[in-house]
Amino acid sequence: MTKVNSLHTQSKVYIGIVHQLREMISKDGLNKGDKIPSERELSERLNVGRSSVREALRALELLGLIETRRGEGTFLRDFRDHHLIDLLGMFILQDQKAQEDVKCTKTMIEKEALRTIFCHKLDVSKLIIKVAEDNDTLTWREVFEEIILISNNYLSHRIWNVLNDYETLIIGEKKITPEIKEKLLCLLQGLENQDKESVQTAYKQISEIGDLELTNSNIFL
C-alpha cells in the first residue's frame, strides 16, 4: 500500500487516505454493515495523522459510504462499488470553491431531468398532487429528487443526492414556503402542459431563491 506521506499537497494526502481506506477494506474482506477500525487504529495502519484520517472519514460519511453510530463506532455502507469518491473527493470538505461547484453541478442535473421529462412527456401528475396537497412537510430535496427519479437516470440521481447532502451542510434543509410551492406547481404544471416558457421561468425563479440562501450562508467565513 502506497504511503500518503510521500505526497506533496494536502489535497493529495486527503485523496491518498481515501484510496488507502478503500484498499484496506477490500484487503480485510469487510462488507456492508461491518465495523471499520477506529481513528487511532487507522492512523497507525495508514501511517498518517489522526486529524487527516478524521477528515477523510467525514468526507466518506458525507458521501454515504460509512455511518457513525454514537457509542458503537463507524460502520461500512456501500463502499467498494461506489466511485463518487473519485468524482467528488478532490474538493469535498477541502476547497472553498466547492460551494459554487456544487450549485452549478446540481443545476445541470436538475435542468437535464426537466428537459428529459418535457421532451418525453413523462407523467408528473402524482407529484403535482403531492405538492398541491402538502401541508408544510415537504422539502425542496424531496420534490427535486422525485423530479430526477421521474427522468429515470440512476447515475444522475446518485450524484445529485451527494451534492445535495453537501449543500445541506452549508445552508440546512430547505422547507417549501408558500412562495416556493406556487413556483413548484407552475414548474410541474408547465411540464404536464408542455409549456416550455412556464417551466423555464419557474425554475429560474426557484434557483434565484436557492442562490440567495447559499449567498447568505457563512459556513466558510
Protein backbone atom coordinates (compact mmCIF):
# COMPACT_ATOMS: atom_id res chain seq x y z
CA MET A 1 0.00 0.00 0.00
CA THR A 2 1.40 3.34 -1.04
CA LYS A 3 2.22 5.66 1.86
CA VAL A 4 0.49 9.02 1.60
CA ASN A 5 3.36 10.74 3.43
CA SER A 6 5.24 10.85 0.14
CA LEU A 7 2.58 13.03 -1.45
CA HIS A 8 3.23 16.72 -1.56
CA THR A 9 -0.06 18.56 -1.12
CA GLN A 10 -2.87 18.46 1.41
CA SER A 11 -5.30 17.52 -1.34
CA LYS A 12 -3.15 14.57 -2.38
CA VAL A 13 -2.77 13.47 1.22
CA TYR A 14 -6.53 13.51 1.61
CA ILE A 15 -7.19 11.56 -1.58
CA GLY A 16 -4.36 9.17 -0.71
CA ILE A 17 -6.03 8.33 2.58
CA VAL A 18 -9.37 7.75 0.87
CA HIS A 19 -7.82 5.31 -1.57
CA GLN A 20 -5.84 3.56 1.16
CA LEU A 21 -9.03 3.12 3.15
CA ARG A 22 -10.68 1.54 0.12
CA GLU A 23 -7.72 -0.82 -0.36
CA MET A 24 -7.68 -1.72 3.34
CA ILE A 25 -11.40 -2.50 3.35
CA SER A 26 -11.01 -4.73 0.32
CA LYS A 27 -7.95 -6.48 1.79
CA ASP A 28 -9.68 -7.08 5.14
CA GLY A 29 -12.73 -8.50 3.38
CA LEU A 30 -15.11 -6.08 5.07
CA ASN A 31 -18.70 -6.00 3.85
CA LYS A 32 -21.65 -3.66 4.18
CA GLY A 33 -22.61 -3.40 7.85
CA ASP A 34 -19.17 -4.38 9.18
CA LYS A 35 -17.41 -2.16 11.70
CA ILE A 36 -14.25 -0.41 10.50
CA PRO A 37 -11.19 0.28 12.70
CA SER A 38 -11.13 3.33 14.97
CA GLU A 39 -9.43 6.60 14.05
CA ARG A 40 -6.45 5.63 16.19
CA GLU A 41 -6.11 2.22 14.55
CA LEU A 42 -6.46 3.71 11.07
CA SER A 43 -3.88 6.35 11.85
CA GLU A 44 -1.40 3.67 12.90
CA ARG A 45 -2.13 1.33 9.99
CA LEU A 46 -2.01 4.04 7.33
CA ASN A 47 0.88 5.92 8.98
CA VAL A 48 -0.89 9.29 8.87
CA GLY A 49 -2.14 11.78 11.44
CA ARG A 50 -5.48 11.26 13.17
CA SER A 51 -6.74 14.65 12.02
CA SER A 52 -6.20 13.62 8.37
CA VAL A 53 -7.96 10.31 8.99
CA ARG A 54 -10.84 12.14 10.67
CA GLU A 55 -11.25 14.47 7.70
CA ALA A 56 -11.25 11.58 5.22
CA LEU A 57 -13.86 9.74 7.31
CA ARG A 58 -16.04 12.85 7.41
CA ALA A 59 -16.00 13.01 3.60
CA LEU A 60 -16.79 9.30 3.29
CA GLU A 61 -19.72 9.73 5.65
CA LEU A 62 -20.92 12.71 3.64
CA LEU A 63 -20.79 10.56 0.51
CA GLY A 64 -22.91 7.94 2.25
CA LEU A 65 -20.19 5.30 2.28
CA ILE A 66 -19.89 4.91 6.05
CA GLU A 67 -22.09 5.71 9.01
CA THR A 68 -21.17 6.58 12.58
CA ARG A 69 -23.33 5.21 15.38
CA ARG A 70 -22.87 7.02 18.65
CA GLY A 71 -21.36 4.75 21.27
CA GLU A 72 -20.84 1.91 18.79
CA GLY A 73 -18.33 3.03 16.18
CA THR A 74 -18.19 3.53 12.42
CA PHE A 75 -19.74 1.03 10.03
CA LEU A 76 -19.37 0.32 6.34
CA ARG A 77 -22.09 1.06 3.87
CA ASP A 78 -21.92 0.55 0.09
CA PHE A 79 -18.20 1.32 -0.26
CA ARG A 80 -16.47 -0.91 -2.78
CA ASP A 81 -18.93 -0.33 -5.64
CA HIS A 82 -19.08 3.42 -5.10
CA HIS A 83 -16.96 5.58 -7.43
CA LEU A 84 -18.18 9.02 -6.45
CA ILE A 85 -15.07 9.40 -4.30
CA ASP A 86 -13.03 9.85 -7.45
CA LEU A 87 -15.50 12.39 -8.85
CA LEU A 88 -16.02 14.49 -5.75
CA GLY A 89 -13.30 13.70 -3.24
CA MET A 90 -10.88 16.23 -4.68
CA PHE A 91 -12.86 19.12 -3.29
CA ILE A 92 -15.43 17.89 -0.78
CA LEU A 93 -14.58 19.49 2.59
CA GLN A 94 -11.37 20.89 1.04
CA ASP A 95 -11.97 23.77 -1.34
CA GLN A 96 -13.91 26.97 -0.72
CA LYS A 97 -14.90 26.93 -4.39
CA ALA A 98 -16.87 23.74 -3.67
CA GLN A 99 -19.98 25.74 -2.79
CA GLU A 100 -20.13 27.23 -6.28
CA ASP A 101 -19.25 23.91 -7.94
CA VAL A 102 -21.95 22.05 -6.05
CA LYS A 103 -24.63 24.53 -7.06
CA CYS A 104 -23.52 24.52 -10.71
CA THR A 105 -23.46 20.73 -10.98
CA LYS A 106 -26.79 20.32 -9.17
CA THR A 107 -28.32 22.82 -11.60
CA MET A 108 -27.04 20.91 -14.62
CA ILE A 109 -28.55 17.67 -13.33
CA GLU A 110 -31.87 19.29 -12.50
CA LYS A 111 -32.11 21.02 -15.88
CA GLU A 112 -31.36 17.79 -17.72
CA ALA A 113 -34.03 15.98 -15.69
CA LEU A 114 -36.58 18.69 -16.52
CA ARG A 115 -35.61 18.59 -20.21
CA THR A 116 -35.98 14.79 -20.29
CA ILE A 117 -39.40 14.90 -18.64
CA PHE A 118 -40.53 17.63 -21.03
CA CYS A 119 -39.19 16.03 -24.22
CA HIS A 120 -40.50 12.56 -23.39
CA LYS A 121 -43.77 13.83 -21.90
CA LEU A 122 -43.24 11.82 -18.71
CA ASP A 123 -46.02 11.72 -16.13
CA VAL A 124 -45.73 14.24 -13.28
CA SER A 125 -49.39 14.19 -12.23
CA LYS A 126 -48.76 12.34 -8.95
CA LEU A 127 -46.05 14.81 -7.97
CA ILE A 128 -48.34 17.75 -8.77
CA ILE A 129 -50.96 16.33 -6.40
CA LYS A 130 -48.33 15.65 -3.75
CA VAL A 131 -47.07 19.25 -3.84
CA ALA A 132 -50.55 20.78 -4.08
CA GLU A 133 -51.80 18.82 -1.05
CA ASP A 134 -48.68 19.36 1.06
CA ASN A 135 -49.15 20.92 4.49
CA ASP A 136 -45.68 22.32 5.14
CA THR A 137 -43.98 18.93 5.40
CA LEU A 138 -42.20 18.63 2.04
CA THR A 139 -38.67 19.91 1.43
CA TRP A 140 -37.03 21.12 -1.77
CA ARG A 141 -34.94 17.95 -1.75
CA GLU A 142 -37.94 15.64 -1.77
CA VAL A 143 -39.56 17.41 -4.71
CA PHE A 144 -36.47 17.69 -6.87
CA GLU A 145 -35.41 14.16 -6.02
CA GLU A 146 -38.76 12.98 -7.30
CA ILE A 147 -38.27 15.02 -10.49
CA ILE A 148 -34.90 13.36 -11.09
CA LEU A 149 -36.35 9.92 -10.36
CA ILE A 150 -39.10 10.54 -12.90
CA SER A 151 -36.42 11.34 -15.51
CA ASN A 152 -35.12 7.80 -14.90
CA ASN A 153 -31.38 8.45 -14.74
CA TYR A 154 -29.93 6.42 -11.88
CA LEU A 155 -26.42 7.87 -12.02
CA SER A 156 -27.71 11.44 -12.04
CA HIS A 157 -29.83 10.60 -9.02
CA ARG A 158 -26.84 9.21 -7.09
CA ILE A 159 -24.63 12.19 -7.88
CA TRP A 160 -27.39 14.70 -7.19
CA ASN A 161 -28.03 13.14 -3.77
CA VAL A 162 -24.39 13.55 -2.75
CA LEU A 163 -24.28 17.14 -3.97
CA ASN A 164 -27.50 17.92 -2.15
CA ASP A 165 -26.08 16.46 1.07
CA TYR A 166 -23.15 18.82 0.80
CA GLU A 167 -25.37 21.82 0.09
CA THR A 168 -27.48 20.88 3.11
CA LEU A 169 -24.36 21.07 5.26
CA ILE A 170 -23.94 24.64 4.03
CA ILE A 171 -27.45 26.04 4.45
CA GLY A 172 -29.52 23.32 6.11
CA GLU A 173 -32.65 21.60 4.80
CA LYS A 174 -34.85 23.92 2.76
CA LYS A 175 -38.54 23.88 3.59
CA ILE A 176 -41.13 24.74 0.97
CA THR A 177 -42.61 28.16 1.65
CA PRO A 178 -45.94 29.24 0.09
CA GLU A 179 -43.96 31.23 -2.49
CA ILE A 180 -41.84 28.23 -3.47
CA LYS A 181 -44.88 25.95 -3.51
CA GLU A 182 -46.55 28.24 -6.03
CA LYS A 183 -43.47 28.25 -8.26
CA LEU A 184 -43.03 24.48 -7.99
CA LEU A 185 -46.62 23.98 -9.09
CA CYS A 186 -46.05 26.32 -12.05
CA LEU A 187 -42.96 24.30 -12.94
CA LEU A 188 -44.72 20.93 -12.73
CA GLN A 189 -47.87 22.11 -14.48
CA GLY A 190 -45.69 23.57 -17.22
CA LEU A 191 -44.15 20.12 -17.70
CA GLU A 192 -47.56 18.49 -17.79
CA ASN A 193 -48.99 21.08 -20.22
CA GLN A 194 -45.87 21.17 -22.41
CA ASP A 195 -45.43 24.88 -21.67
CA LYS A 196 -41.71 25.43 -22.09
CA GLU A 197 -41.78 29.09 -21.04
CA SER A 198 -43.55 28.31 -17.75
CA VAL A 199 -41.02 25.60 -16.95
CA GLN A 200 -38.04 27.83 -17.67
CA THR A 201 -39.42 30.84 -15.81
CA ALA A 202 -40.44 28.87 -12.72
CA TYR A 203 -37.11 27.04 -12.50
CA LYS A 204 -35.20 30.30 -12.84
CA GLN A 205 -37.22 31.88 -10.02
CA ILE A 206 -36.73 28.85 -7.77
CA SER A 207 -32.99 28.85 -8.49
CA GLU A 208 -32.67 32.54 -7.67
CA ILE A 209 -34.17 31.93 -4.22
CA GLY A 210 -31.80 28.99 -3.72
CA ASP A 211 -28.84 31.13 -4.76
CA LEU A 212 -29.84 33.76 -2.22
CA GLU A 213 -29.86 31.19 0.56
CA LEU A 214 -26.40 29.98 -0.45
CA THR A 215 -25.12 33.55 -0.54
CA ASN A 216 -26.43 34.20 2.95
CA SER A 217 -24.55 31.20 4.33
CA ASN A 218 -21.42 31.98 6.34
CA ILE A 219 -20.06 28.48 6.84
CA PHE A 220 -16.81 29.29 5.03
CA LEU A 221 -16.19 32.69 6.65
